N, C-alpha and C. Protein backbone atom coordinates (compact mmCIF):
# COMPACT_ATOMS: atom_id res chain seq x y z
N MET A 1 27.42 1.58 2.90
CA MET A 1 26.62 2.73 3.30
C MET A 1 27.54 3.83 3.81
N ASN A 2 27.39 5.06 3.32
CA ASN A 2 28.24 6.17 3.68
C ASN A 2 27.82 6.75 5.02
N ILE A 3 28.63 6.55 6.07
CA ILE A 3 28.28 7.01 7.40
C ILE A 3 28.22 8.52 7.46
N LEU A 4 29.11 9.21 6.73
CA LEU A 4 29.09 10.67 6.71
C LEU A 4 27.76 11.17 6.17
N LEU A 5 27.27 10.51 5.11
CA LEU A 5 25.99 10.90 4.55
C LEU A 5 24.86 10.70 5.55
N VAL A 6 24.92 9.60 6.29
CA VAL A 6 23.90 9.35 7.30
C VAL A 6 23.90 10.44 8.35
N LEU A 7 25.09 10.87 8.79
CA LEU A 7 25.17 11.93 9.78
C LEU A 7 24.60 13.23 9.24
N VAL A 8 24.88 13.52 7.97
CA VAL A 8 24.34 14.72 7.35
C VAL A 8 22.82 14.67 7.34
N VAL A 9 22.28 13.50 6.97
CA VAL A 9 20.83 13.33 6.97
C VAL A 9 20.28 13.48 8.38
N ALA A 10 20.98 12.90 9.35
CA ALA A 10 20.53 12.97 10.74
C ALA A 10 20.47 14.41 11.22
N LEU A 11 21.52 15.16 10.94
CA LEU A 11 21.57 16.55 11.37
C LEU A 11 20.54 17.38 10.63
N HIS A 12 20.32 17.06 9.37
CA HIS A 12 19.32 17.77 8.58
C HIS A 12 17.93 17.59 9.18
N GLN A 13 17.73 16.43 9.82
CA GLN A 13 16.44 16.14 10.44
C GLN A 13 16.36 16.66 11.86
N GLY A 14 17.38 17.34 12.33
CA GLY A 14 17.31 17.91 13.66
C GLY A 14 17.96 17.07 14.72
N GLY A 15 18.59 15.97 14.36
CA GLY A 15 19.24 15.11 15.34
C GLY A 15 20.56 15.70 15.79
N GLU A 16 20.97 15.38 16.97
CA GLU A 16 22.27 15.81 17.48
C GLU A 16 23.07 14.59 17.86
N VAL A 17 24.35 14.57 17.49
CA VAL A 17 25.19 13.41 17.74
C VAL A 17 25.23 13.06 19.21
N SER A 18 25.24 14.08 20.07
CA SER A 18 25.34 13.84 21.50
C SER A 18 24.11 13.15 22.07
N SER A 19 22.98 13.24 21.33
CA SER A 19 21.74 12.64 21.85
C SER A 19 21.52 11.23 21.34
N PHE A 20 22.40 10.73 20.45
CA PHE A 20 22.24 9.38 19.92
C PHE A 20 22.38 8.35 21.04
N ILE A 21 21.56 7.31 20.93
CA ILE A 21 21.62 6.22 21.89
C ILE A 21 22.68 5.23 21.41
N VAL A 22 23.59 4.86 22.28
CA VAL A 22 24.68 3.97 21.91
C VAL A 22 24.46 2.60 22.52
N ARG A 23 24.73 1.56 21.79
CA ARG A 23 24.63 0.21 22.32
C ARG A 23 25.71 -0.66 21.70
N SER A 24 25.95 -1.78 22.28
CA SER A 24 26.87 -2.75 21.68
C SER A 24 26.04 -3.77 20.90
N CYS A 25 26.68 -4.47 19.98
CA CYS A 25 25.97 -5.42 19.15
C CYS A 25 25.73 -6.71 19.92
N ARG A 26 24.49 -7.16 19.95
CA ARG A 26 24.17 -8.42 20.63
C ARG A 26 24.66 -9.61 19.82
N ASN A 27 25.00 -10.65 20.52
CA ASN A 27 25.47 -11.86 19.85
C ASN A 27 24.30 -12.63 19.26
N GLN A 28 24.48 -13.12 18.05
CA GLN A 28 23.52 -14.00 17.39
C GLN A 28 24.29 -15.17 16.79
N ASN A 29 23.60 -16.28 16.64
CA ASN A 29 24.21 -17.44 16.01
C ASN A 29 24.25 -17.20 14.51
N LEU A 30 25.44 -16.91 14.00
CA LEU A 30 25.60 -16.57 12.59
C LEU A 30 25.68 -17.79 11.69
N GLU A 31 25.68 -18.98 12.27
CA GLU A 31 25.82 -20.20 11.47
C GLU A 31 24.48 -20.81 11.10
N THR A 32 23.41 -20.14 11.49
CA THR A 32 22.08 -20.62 11.13
C THR A 32 21.18 -19.42 10.90
N SER A 33 19.90 -19.67 10.74
CA SER A 33 18.90 -18.61 10.57
C SER A 33 17.55 -19.24 10.89
N PHE A 34 16.52 -18.40 11.00
CA PHE A 34 15.19 -18.94 11.22
C PHE A 34 14.81 -19.91 10.10
N TRP A 35 15.03 -19.48 8.85
CA TRP A 35 14.63 -20.32 7.71
C TRP A 35 15.45 -21.60 7.66
N ASN A 36 16.72 -21.50 7.93
CA ASN A 36 17.59 -22.67 7.97
C ASN A 36 17.08 -23.67 9.01
N SER A 37 16.77 -23.17 10.20
CA SER A 37 16.27 -24.05 11.28
C SER A 37 14.92 -24.64 10.92
N PHE A 38 14.06 -23.83 10.29
CA PHE A 38 12.73 -24.30 9.91
C PHE A 38 12.81 -25.45 8.92
N ILE A 39 13.68 -25.30 7.92
CA ILE A 39 13.82 -26.33 6.89
C ILE A 39 14.42 -27.61 7.47
N THR A 40 15.46 -27.47 8.26
CA THR A 40 16.14 -28.66 8.80
C THR A 40 15.35 -29.34 9.92
N SER A 41 14.35 -28.65 10.47
CA SER A 41 13.55 -29.23 11.55
C SER A 41 12.60 -30.31 11.05
N GLY A 42 12.32 -30.32 9.75
CA GLY A 42 11.37 -31.28 9.21
C GLY A 42 9.92 -30.84 9.30
N ARG A 43 9.68 -29.61 9.79
CA ARG A 43 8.31 -29.12 9.93
C ARG A 43 7.69 -28.73 8.59
N PHE A 44 8.54 -28.48 7.61
CA PHE A 44 8.04 -28.06 6.31
C PHE A 44 7.65 -29.29 5.48
N GLN A 45 6.36 -29.43 5.21
CA GLN A 45 5.85 -30.56 4.44
C GLN A 45 5.06 -30.03 3.26
N PRO A 46 5.74 -29.74 2.14
CA PRO A 46 5.05 -29.12 1.00
C PRO A 46 4.14 -30.08 0.26
N THR A 47 3.08 -29.52 -0.32
CA THR A 47 2.21 -30.26 -1.22
C THR A 47 2.62 -29.90 -2.63
N GLN A 48 3.07 -30.88 -3.40
CA GLN A 48 3.67 -30.59 -4.69
C GLN A 48 2.75 -30.92 -5.87
N THR A 49 1.48 -31.06 -5.62
CA THR A 49 0.57 -31.39 -6.71
C THR A 49 -0.16 -30.14 -7.19
N GLY A 50 -0.37 -30.04 -8.50
CA GLY A 50 -1.12 -28.92 -9.05
C GLY A 50 -0.35 -27.62 -8.99
N SER A 51 -1.05 -26.52 -9.26
CA SER A 51 -0.42 -25.20 -9.31
C SER A 51 -0.94 -24.26 -8.23
N ARG A 52 -1.60 -24.82 -7.23
CA ARG A 52 -2.17 -23.97 -6.18
C ARG A 52 -1.11 -23.13 -5.49
N HIS A 53 0.06 -23.72 -5.26
CA HIS A 53 1.11 -22.98 -4.56
C HIS A 53 1.62 -21.80 -5.39
N VAL A 54 1.56 -21.90 -6.73
CA VAL A 54 1.98 -20.79 -7.58
C VAL A 54 0.98 -19.64 -7.46
N ARG A 55 -0.31 -19.97 -7.48
CA ARG A 55 -1.32 -18.94 -7.29
C ARG A 55 -1.16 -18.28 -5.94
N ARG A 56 -0.89 -19.12 -4.93
CA ARG A 56 -0.73 -18.58 -3.58
C ARG A 56 0.52 -17.71 -3.49
N LEU A 57 1.56 -18.07 -4.19
CA LEU A 57 2.77 -17.25 -4.22
C LEU A 57 2.45 -15.86 -4.75
N LYS A 58 1.72 -15.79 -5.85
CA LYS A 58 1.36 -14.50 -6.42
C LYS A 58 0.46 -13.71 -5.46
N GLU A 59 -0.45 -14.41 -4.81
CA GLU A 59 -1.34 -13.75 -3.85
C GLU A 59 -0.53 -13.17 -2.68
N GLN A 60 0.44 -13.93 -2.22
CA GLN A 60 1.24 -13.46 -1.08
C GLN A 60 2.14 -12.29 -1.47
N LEU A 61 2.68 -12.32 -2.67
CA LEU A 61 3.45 -11.18 -3.15
C LEU A 61 2.56 -9.95 -3.25
N GLN A 62 1.32 -10.15 -3.71
CA GLN A 62 0.38 -9.04 -3.79
C GLN A 62 0.03 -8.53 -2.39
N GLU A 63 -0.18 -9.45 -1.45
CA GLU A 63 -0.50 -9.05 -0.08
C GLU A 63 0.64 -8.26 0.55
N LEU A 64 1.87 -8.70 0.31
CA LEU A 64 3.03 -7.99 0.84
C LEU A 64 3.13 -6.61 0.21
N SER A 65 2.96 -6.55 -1.10
CA SER A 65 3.03 -5.27 -1.81
C SER A 65 1.95 -4.31 -1.30
N THR A 66 0.75 -4.82 -1.09
CA THR A 66 -0.35 -3.99 -0.60
C THR A 66 -0.07 -3.48 0.81
N ALA A 67 0.47 -4.36 1.65
CA ALA A 67 0.79 -3.97 3.03
C ALA A 67 1.85 -2.88 3.06
N VAL A 68 2.87 -3.02 2.22
CA VAL A 68 3.93 -2.02 2.17
C VAL A 68 3.36 -0.67 1.74
N GLU A 69 2.51 -0.68 0.71
CA GLU A 69 1.91 0.56 0.24
C GLU A 69 1.04 1.20 1.33
N PHE A 70 0.34 0.36 2.07
CA PHE A 70 -0.53 0.86 3.13
C PHE A 70 0.27 1.56 4.23
N TYR A 71 1.41 1.00 4.60
CA TYR A 71 2.18 1.50 5.73
C TYR A 71 3.21 2.58 5.36
N LYS A 72 3.59 2.70 4.11
CA LYS A 72 4.81 3.44 3.78
C LYS A 72 4.82 4.88 4.26
N ASN A 73 3.74 5.63 4.07
CA ASN A 73 3.75 7.03 4.47
C ASN A 73 3.63 7.20 5.97
N GLU A 74 2.79 6.39 6.60
CA GLU A 74 2.67 6.49 8.06
C GLU A 74 4.00 6.14 8.73
N TYR A 75 4.65 5.10 8.23
CA TYR A 75 5.95 4.71 8.76
C TYR A 75 6.97 5.83 8.59
N SER A 76 7.06 6.40 7.40
CA SER A 76 8.05 7.45 7.13
C SER A 76 7.76 8.71 7.93
N GLU A 77 6.49 9.09 8.01
CA GLU A 77 6.14 10.31 8.72
C GLU A 77 6.38 10.18 10.22
N GLN A 78 6.08 9.01 10.77
CA GLN A 78 6.29 8.80 12.20
C GLN A 78 7.77 8.70 12.54
N THR A 79 8.56 8.13 11.65
CA THR A 79 9.97 7.92 11.93
C THR A 79 10.83 9.13 11.58
N PHE A 80 10.52 9.78 10.44
CA PHE A 80 11.38 10.86 9.94
C PHE A 80 10.66 12.20 9.80
N ASP A 81 9.36 12.22 10.07
CA ASP A 81 8.54 13.42 9.87
C ASP A 81 8.56 13.85 8.40
N LYS A 82 8.64 12.86 7.51
CA LYS A 82 8.63 13.10 6.08
C LYS A 82 7.86 11.98 5.40
N SER A 83 7.34 12.26 4.22
CA SER A 83 6.64 11.22 3.47
C SER A 83 7.63 10.20 2.94
N TYR A 84 7.11 9.04 2.55
CA TYR A 84 7.98 8.02 1.95
C TYR A 84 8.67 8.57 0.72
N ARG A 85 7.95 9.29 -0.10
CA ARG A 85 8.52 9.82 -1.34
C ARG A 85 9.68 10.77 -1.04
N GLN A 86 9.53 11.61 -0.03
CA GLN A 86 10.61 12.53 0.34
C GLN A 86 11.85 11.76 0.78
N MET A 87 11.65 10.75 1.62
CA MET A 87 12.79 9.96 2.09
C MET A 87 13.44 9.21 0.95
N ASP A 88 12.64 8.68 0.07
CA ASP A 88 13.17 7.94 -1.08
C ASP A 88 14.02 8.85 -1.96
N GLN A 89 13.59 10.09 -2.11
CA GLN A 89 14.33 11.04 -2.93
C GLN A 89 15.60 11.52 -2.24
N GLU A 90 15.59 11.60 -0.92
CA GLU A 90 16.75 12.05 -0.18
C GLU A 90 17.82 10.97 -0.07
N LEU A 91 17.39 9.72 -0.14
CA LEU A 91 18.33 8.60 -0.03
C LEU A 91 18.21 7.71 -1.27
N PRO A 92 18.45 8.27 -2.46
CA PRO A 92 18.14 7.53 -3.69
C PRO A 92 19.05 6.35 -3.98
N THR A 93 20.28 6.40 -3.51
CA THR A 93 21.24 5.37 -3.91
C THR A 93 21.67 4.45 -2.78
N LEU A 94 21.19 4.69 -1.57
CA LEU A 94 21.63 3.86 -0.45
C LEU A 94 20.99 2.47 -0.53
N SER A 95 21.80 1.46 -0.43
CA SER A 95 21.32 0.08 -0.44
C SER A 95 22.36 -0.79 0.25
N TYR A 96 21.99 -2.02 0.50
CA TYR A 96 22.90 -2.98 1.13
C TYR A 96 23.14 -4.15 0.19
N GLU A 97 24.38 -4.34 -0.18
CA GLU A 97 24.77 -5.48 -1.01
C GLU A 97 24.42 -6.80 -0.32
N ASP A 98 24.47 -6.82 1.00
CA ASP A 98 24.17 -8.04 1.76
C ASP A 98 22.70 -8.44 1.65
N ILE A 99 21.84 -7.46 1.38
CA ILE A 99 20.40 -7.73 1.37
C ILE A 99 19.88 -7.86 -0.06
N VAL A 100 20.31 -6.98 -0.94
CA VAL A 100 19.98 -7.12 -2.37
C VAL A 100 21.29 -7.07 -3.15
N PRO A 101 21.89 -8.22 -3.40
CA PRO A 101 23.19 -8.25 -4.09
C PRO A 101 23.11 -7.67 -5.50
N SER A 102 24.21 -7.09 -5.95
CA SER A 102 24.25 -6.49 -7.28
C SER A 102 24.09 -7.54 -8.38
N SER A 103 24.30 -8.81 -8.04
CA SER A 103 24.13 -9.88 -9.02
C SER A 103 22.68 -10.31 -9.17
N SER A 104 21.79 -9.80 -8.32
CA SER A 104 20.40 -10.25 -8.34
C SER A 104 19.68 -9.72 -9.58
N LEU A 105 18.61 -10.38 -9.92
CA LEU A 105 17.80 -9.99 -11.07
C LEU A 105 17.21 -8.60 -10.88
N MET A 106 16.93 -8.22 -9.64
CA MET A 106 16.38 -6.90 -9.36
C MET A 106 17.33 -5.79 -9.79
N VAL A 107 18.60 -5.98 -9.56
CA VAL A 107 19.61 -4.96 -9.86
C VAL A 107 20.10 -5.10 -11.29
N ASN A 108 20.33 -6.32 -11.69
CA ASN A 108 20.88 -6.60 -13.02
C ASN A 108 19.83 -7.34 -13.84
N ASP A 109 18.82 -6.61 -14.25
CA ASP A 109 17.68 -7.20 -14.95
C ASP A 109 18.12 -7.80 -16.28
N ARG A 110 17.82 -9.07 -16.48
CA ARG A 110 18.26 -9.78 -17.67
C ARG A 110 17.37 -11.00 -17.87
N GLU A 111 17.51 -11.61 -19.01
CA GLU A 111 16.73 -12.81 -19.30
C GLU A 111 17.30 -14.00 -18.53
N LEU A 112 16.44 -14.66 -17.76
CA LEU A 112 16.85 -15.85 -17.01
C LEU A 112 15.83 -16.95 -17.24
N SER A 113 16.26 -18.17 -17.07
CA SER A 113 15.32 -19.29 -17.11
C SER A 113 14.40 -19.20 -15.90
N TYR A 114 13.27 -19.90 -15.97
CA TYR A 114 12.33 -19.90 -14.85
C TYR A 114 13.00 -20.44 -13.59
N ALA A 115 13.83 -21.44 -13.76
CA ALA A 115 14.53 -22.02 -12.61
C ALA A 115 15.43 -20.98 -11.95
N ASP A 116 16.13 -20.18 -12.76
CA ASP A 116 17.02 -19.16 -12.21
C ASP A 116 16.24 -18.03 -11.55
N VAL A 117 15.07 -17.73 -12.07
CA VAL A 117 14.21 -16.72 -11.44
C VAL A 117 13.78 -17.20 -10.05
N LEU A 118 13.40 -18.46 -9.97
CA LEU A 118 13.01 -19.03 -8.67
C LEU A 118 14.17 -18.96 -7.67
N LEU A 119 15.35 -19.34 -8.12
CA LEU A 119 16.53 -19.32 -7.25
C LEU A 119 16.88 -17.90 -6.82
N ASP A 120 16.74 -16.96 -7.75
CA ASP A 120 17.03 -15.56 -7.44
C ASP A 120 16.07 -15.03 -6.39
N ALA A 121 14.78 -15.27 -6.57
CA ALA A 121 13.77 -14.82 -5.61
C ALA A 121 13.97 -15.49 -4.26
N TYR A 122 14.29 -16.78 -4.28
CA TYR A 122 14.51 -17.53 -3.04
C TYR A 122 15.67 -16.93 -2.25
N ASP A 123 16.72 -16.53 -2.93
CA ASP A 123 17.87 -15.91 -2.27
C ASP A 123 17.48 -14.55 -1.67
N ILE A 124 16.81 -13.71 -2.45
CA ILE A 124 16.46 -12.36 -1.99
C ILE A 124 15.53 -12.40 -0.79
N PHE A 125 14.51 -13.25 -0.84
CA PHE A 125 13.53 -13.26 0.26
C PHE A 125 14.11 -13.89 1.53
N GLN A 126 15.08 -14.76 1.40
CA GLN A 126 15.79 -15.21 2.61
C GLN A 126 16.54 -14.05 3.25
N ARG A 127 17.19 -13.24 2.44
CA ARG A 127 17.93 -12.09 2.95
C ARG A 127 16.99 -11.08 3.61
N LEU A 128 15.84 -10.86 2.99
CA LEU A 128 14.87 -9.93 3.55
C LEU A 128 14.30 -10.45 4.87
N GLU A 129 14.09 -11.77 4.93
CA GLU A 129 13.58 -12.36 6.18
C GLU A 129 14.58 -12.14 7.31
N MET A 130 15.86 -12.32 7.04
CA MET A 130 16.89 -12.10 8.06
C MET A 130 17.02 -10.62 8.40
N ALA A 131 16.82 -9.75 7.40
CA ALA A 131 16.86 -8.31 7.66
C ALA A 131 15.73 -7.89 8.61
N LEU A 132 14.56 -8.48 8.40
CA LEU A 132 13.44 -8.18 9.29
C LEU A 132 13.69 -8.70 10.70
N GLU A 133 14.35 -9.82 10.80
CA GLU A 133 14.74 -10.33 12.12
C GLU A 133 15.66 -9.33 12.82
N LEU A 134 16.57 -8.72 12.07
CA LEU A 134 17.46 -7.71 12.64
C LEU A 134 16.67 -6.55 13.22
N ILE A 135 15.66 -6.10 12.49
CA ILE A 135 14.85 -4.98 12.95
C ILE A 135 14.12 -5.35 14.23
N GLN A 136 13.51 -6.53 14.25
CA GLN A 136 12.80 -6.97 15.45
C GLN A 136 13.77 -7.16 16.61
N HIS A 137 14.92 -7.68 16.31
CA HIS A 137 15.94 -7.92 17.34
C HIS A 137 16.40 -6.61 17.94
N GLY A 138 16.55 -5.58 17.10
CA GLY A 138 17.06 -4.30 17.57
C GLY A 138 16.05 -3.44 18.28
N SER A 139 14.77 -3.79 18.20
CA SER A 139 13.74 -2.94 18.80
C SER A 139 13.81 -2.93 20.32
N ALA A 140 14.48 -3.92 20.91
CA ALA A 140 14.64 -3.93 22.37
C ALA A 140 15.58 -2.81 22.80
N ASP A 141 16.53 -2.45 21.94
CA ASP A 141 17.48 -1.39 22.24
C ASP A 141 16.93 -0.02 21.88
N PHE A 142 16.29 0.05 20.70
CA PHE A 142 15.73 1.30 20.23
C PHE A 142 14.24 1.08 19.99
N PRO A 143 13.38 1.46 20.94
CA PRO A 143 11.94 1.20 20.79
C PRO A 143 11.41 1.74 19.46
N LEU A 144 10.53 0.97 18.85
CA LEU A 144 9.96 1.35 17.57
C LEU A 144 8.92 2.45 17.76
N THR A 145 8.64 3.17 16.69
CA THR A 145 7.69 4.26 16.77
C THR A 145 6.31 3.75 17.14
N SER A 146 5.45 4.66 17.59
CA SER A 146 4.21 4.27 18.25
C SER A 146 3.06 3.91 17.32
N PHE A 147 3.20 4.12 16.00
CA PHE A 147 2.05 3.93 15.12
C PHE A 147 1.71 2.46 14.89
N GLY A 148 2.53 1.55 15.37
CA GLY A 148 2.31 0.13 15.18
C GLY A 148 3.40 -0.51 14.35
N ALA A 149 4.61 0.06 14.42
CA ALA A 149 5.71 -0.46 13.61
C ALA A 149 6.03 -1.90 13.96
N ARG A 150 5.94 -2.24 15.23
CA ARG A 150 6.25 -3.62 15.63
C ARG A 150 5.33 -4.60 14.90
N ASN A 151 4.05 -4.27 14.82
CA ASN A 151 3.11 -5.13 14.10
C ASN A 151 3.39 -5.13 12.61
N MET A 152 3.79 -3.98 12.08
CA MET A 152 4.09 -3.88 10.65
C MET A 152 5.25 -4.79 10.27
N TRP A 153 6.37 -4.71 11.02
CA TRP A 153 7.52 -5.55 10.71
C TRP A 153 7.17 -7.03 10.87
N SER A 154 6.39 -7.36 11.90
CA SER A 154 5.98 -8.76 12.12
C SER A 154 5.14 -9.27 10.96
N LEU A 155 4.23 -8.42 10.47
CA LEU A 155 3.39 -8.78 9.33
C LEU A 155 4.25 -9.03 8.10
N PHE A 156 5.18 -8.14 7.82
CA PHE A 156 6.06 -8.32 6.67
C PHE A 156 6.82 -9.63 6.77
N ARG A 157 7.32 -9.92 7.96
CA ARG A 157 8.13 -11.13 8.12
C ARG A 157 7.29 -12.38 7.93
N ARG A 158 6.08 -12.39 8.45
CA ARG A 158 5.20 -13.56 8.25
C ARG A 158 4.90 -13.76 6.77
N GLU A 159 4.63 -12.68 6.08
CA GLU A 159 4.33 -12.80 4.64
C GLU A 159 5.53 -13.32 3.87
N ILE A 160 6.71 -12.85 4.22
CA ILE A 160 7.91 -13.31 3.52
C ILE A 160 8.19 -14.78 3.82
N GLN A 161 7.93 -15.21 5.03
CA GLN A 161 8.11 -16.63 5.35
C GLN A 161 7.15 -17.49 4.53
N LYS A 162 5.94 -17.01 4.31
CA LYS A 162 4.99 -17.73 3.45
C LYS A 162 5.46 -17.75 2.00
N ILE A 163 6.00 -16.62 1.55
CA ILE A 163 6.54 -16.55 0.19
C ILE A 163 7.67 -17.56 0.02
N LEU A 164 8.55 -17.65 1.00
CA LEU A 164 9.65 -18.61 0.94
C LEU A 164 9.14 -20.04 0.85
N GLN A 165 8.11 -20.36 1.61
CA GLN A 165 7.56 -21.71 1.58
C GLN A 165 7.04 -22.05 0.19
N ASN A 166 6.35 -21.11 -0.43
CA ASN A 166 5.80 -21.37 -1.76
C ASN A 166 6.87 -21.37 -2.84
N LEU A 167 7.90 -20.55 -2.67
CA LEU A 167 9.02 -20.60 -3.61
C LEU A 167 9.71 -21.96 -3.55
N LEU A 168 9.94 -22.44 -2.35
CA LEU A 168 10.60 -23.74 -2.20
C LEU A 168 9.72 -24.87 -2.74
N THR A 169 8.43 -24.77 -2.50
CA THR A 169 7.50 -25.77 -3.02
C THR A 169 7.53 -25.79 -4.54
N GLU A 170 7.54 -24.60 -5.15
CA GLU A 170 7.58 -24.52 -6.61
C GLU A 170 8.89 -25.08 -7.15
N MET A 171 10.00 -24.83 -6.46
CA MET A 171 11.27 -25.40 -6.90
C MET A 171 11.24 -26.92 -6.84
N MET A 172 10.67 -27.45 -5.78
CA MET A 172 10.58 -28.90 -5.66
C MET A 172 9.67 -29.47 -6.75
N TYR A 173 8.58 -28.78 -7.02
CA TYR A 173 7.63 -29.22 -8.04
C TYR A 173 8.27 -29.22 -9.43
N ARG A 174 9.17 -28.24 -9.66
CA ARG A 174 9.83 -28.10 -10.96
C ARG A 174 11.17 -28.83 -11.02
N ASP A 175 11.49 -29.58 -9.97
CA ASP A 175 12.76 -30.30 -9.91
C ASP A 175 13.96 -29.37 -9.99
N VAL A 176 13.83 -28.21 -9.38
CA VAL A 176 14.94 -27.26 -9.27
C VAL A 176 15.63 -27.52 -7.94
N SER A 177 16.89 -27.80 -7.99
CA SER A 177 17.63 -28.11 -6.77
C SER A 177 17.79 -26.86 -5.91
N ALA A 178 17.24 -26.90 -4.71
CA ALA A 178 17.31 -25.74 -3.82
C ALA A 178 18.67 -25.70 -3.13
N PRO A 179 19.30 -24.54 -3.07
CA PRO A 179 20.58 -24.44 -2.36
C PRO A 179 20.39 -24.55 -0.86
N VAL A 180 21.47 -24.79 -0.17
CA VAL A 180 21.43 -24.81 1.30
C VAL A 180 20.94 -23.44 1.78
N PRO A 181 20.02 -23.40 2.73
CA PRO A 181 19.52 -22.11 3.21
C PRO A 181 20.64 -21.20 3.70
N LEU A 182 20.46 -19.91 3.47
CA LEU A 182 21.44 -18.93 3.92
C LEU A 182 21.46 -18.85 5.44
N THR A 183 22.56 -18.38 5.96
CA THR A 183 22.69 -18.16 7.41
C THR A 183 22.87 -16.68 7.68
N ARG A 184 22.73 -16.29 8.93
CA ARG A 184 22.85 -14.88 9.31
C ARG A 184 24.22 -14.31 8.97
N GLY A 185 25.20 -15.17 8.81
CA GLY A 185 26.54 -14.72 8.52
C GLY A 185 26.68 -14.01 7.18
N VAL A 186 25.69 -14.15 6.28
CA VAL A 186 25.80 -13.47 4.99
C VAL A 186 25.57 -11.97 5.13
N ILE A 187 24.97 -11.57 6.25
CA ILE A 187 24.76 -10.14 6.51
C ILE A 187 25.89 -9.64 7.40
N SER A 188 26.63 -8.68 6.91
CA SER A 188 27.84 -8.23 7.58
C SER A 188 27.54 -7.47 8.87
N GLU A 189 28.56 -7.35 9.68
CA GLU A 189 28.40 -6.71 11.00
C GLU A 189 27.96 -5.26 10.88
N ASN A 190 28.43 -4.56 9.86
CA ASN A 190 28.06 -3.15 9.75
C ASN A 190 26.59 -2.95 9.41
N VAL A 191 25.92 -4.00 8.95
CA VAL A 191 24.47 -3.96 8.73
C VAL A 191 23.74 -4.48 9.97
N ARG A 192 24.28 -5.51 10.57
CA ARG A 192 23.63 -6.11 11.73
C ARG A 192 23.71 -5.23 12.97
N CYS A 193 24.83 -4.54 13.15
CA CYS A 193 25.10 -3.84 14.41
C CYS A 193 25.05 -2.34 14.22
N MET A 194 24.05 -1.72 14.79
CA MET A 194 23.89 -0.28 14.71
C MET A 194 24.27 0.36 16.04
N ASP A 195 25.21 1.29 15.99
CA ASP A 195 25.68 1.92 17.22
C ASP A 195 24.80 3.07 17.67
N HIS A 196 24.00 3.61 16.78
CA HIS A 196 23.17 4.77 17.11
C HIS A 196 21.77 4.59 16.55
N SER A 197 20.80 5.17 17.23
CA SER A 197 19.42 5.01 16.82
C SER A 197 19.16 5.59 15.42
N ILE A 198 19.84 6.69 15.08
CA ILE A 198 19.60 7.26 13.75
C ILE A 198 20.12 6.33 12.66
N TYR A 199 21.24 5.64 12.91
CA TYR A 199 21.75 4.67 11.95
C TYR A 199 20.72 3.56 11.75
N GLN A 200 20.14 3.12 12.86
CA GLN A 200 19.14 2.05 12.77
C GLN A 200 17.93 2.51 11.97
N ASP A 201 17.49 3.74 12.19
CA ASP A 201 16.33 4.25 11.46
C ASP A 201 16.59 4.28 9.96
N ILE A 202 17.80 4.74 9.58
CA ILE A 202 18.15 4.79 8.16
C ILE A 202 18.25 3.37 7.60
N ARG A 203 18.91 2.48 8.35
CA ARG A 203 19.01 1.09 7.89
C ARG A 203 17.62 0.48 7.70
N ASN A 204 16.73 0.71 8.66
CA ASN A 204 15.40 0.13 8.57
C ASN A 204 14.63 0.68 7.38
N PHE A 205 14.83 1.96 7.06
CA PHE A 205 14.18 2.52 5.88
C PHE A 205 14.69 1.84 4.62
N ILE A 206 15.99 1.62 4.54
CA ILE A 206 16.56 0.95 3.36
C ILE A 206 16.00 -0.45 3.23
N ILE A 207 15.84 -1.16 4.36
CA ILE A 207 15.24 -2.49 4.33
C ILE A 207 13.78 -2.40 3.88
N PHE A 208 13.05 -1.43 4.42
CA PHE A 208 11.65 -1.22 4.02
C PHE A 208 11.56 -1.03 2.51
N ARG A 209 12.42 -0.17 1.99
CA ARG A 209 12.40 0.10 0.55
C ARG A 209 12.76 -1.15 -0.25
N SER A 210 13.69 -1.94 0.25
CA SER A 210 14.06 -3.19 -0.43
C SER A 210 12.90 -4.17 -0.46
N ILE A 211 12.14 -4.23 0.62
CA ILE A 211 10.95 -5.08 0.65
C ILE A 211 9.93 -4.60 -0.37
N LYS A 212 9.69 -3.30 -0.40
CA LYS A 212 8.75 -2.71 -1.35
C LYS A 212 9.16 -3.03 -2.78
N GLN A 213 10.41 -2.80 -3.09
CA GLN A 213 10.90 -3.04 -4.45
C GLN A 213 10.84 -4.52 -4.81
N SER A 214 11.20 -5.38 -3.88
CA SER A 214 11.20 -6.82 -4.13
C SER A 214 9.79 -7.35 -4.37
N ALA A 215 8.86 -6.93 -3.53
CA ALA A 215 7.48 -7.39 -3.68
C ALA A 215 6.92 -6.99 -5.05
N HIS A 216 7.14 -5.73 -5.43
CA HIS A 216 6.65 -5.26 -6.73
C HIS A 216 7.34 -5.98 -7.88
N PHE A 217 8.65 -6.10 -7.78
CA PHE A 217 9.42 -6.68 -8.88
C PHE A 217 9.05 -8.14 -9.12
N TYR A 218 9.06 -8.95 -8.07
CA TYR A 218 8.80 -10.38 -8.26
C TYR A 218 7.33 -10.67 -8.55
N LEU A 219 6.45 -9.82 -8.07
CA LEU A 219 5.04 -9.98 -8.44
C LEU A 219 4.89 -9.79 -9.95
N ARG A 220 5.55 -8.79 -10.48
CA ARG A 220 5.50 -8.55 -11.92
C ARG A 220 6.11 -9.74 -12.69
N ILE A 221 7.24 -10.24 -12.20
CA ILE A 221 7.91 -11.35 -12.88
C ILE A 221 7.04 -12.61 -12.88
N PHE A 222 6.50 -12.96 -11.71
CA PHE A 222 5.73 -14.21 -11.64
C PHE A 222 4.37 -14.11 -12.30
N ARG A 223 3.84 -12.93 -12.44
CA ARG A 223 2.60 -12.79 -13.19
C ARG A 223 2.77 -13.11 -14.66
N LYS A 224 3.99 -13.00 -15.15
CA LYS A 224 4.28 -13.31 -16.54
C LYS A 224 4.48 -14.82 -16.76
N LYS A 225 4.70 -15.55 -15.65
CA LYS A 225 5.04 -16.98 -15.79
C LYS A 225 3.77 -17.83 -15.88
């Protein structure tokens, strides 16, 4: 992410460098994650009979997509005083390799086996779940906007955790070997640690957009399966 570009965007929006809130990065256990702990705890007991979990996966992707569409303009207007479309156009190329890797199906669209599609989605939604944890974690330092952003991020995270459960269930049902869950360490410090509130706002928008794109993309993919 180009920091100079972020500063230009910040100043364009009326921000002043001297008014930025500065904080240090809080320590987190980078050797695990919520999903990693959830899986290893033994609390996850999937039902592997029938195709109900596949239908539920599609429903949850649809629910996430609908929620993102519902919130996108209110979130953008409250945070940046601009519509989602305006922000998307102003920041067209900003993304995080740590959250949506260039090797993913979303970025490098190509023909993959169903097993590889499952693995690809499983990887992306783990990254998104950890990205949402970052946002919630950082809200203690930089309070979220008043329109209900805290509830919005919490809703997204719950939906993604449900998506992960159904993806893992489908992999088990299809005898696809699931990789070891990702840990927080896959997300680099420059994404995890924001020194200024404007950096955090831009990062959060990029995460929001990644969630929107992922929900739409994988819903389309799984509807074909």
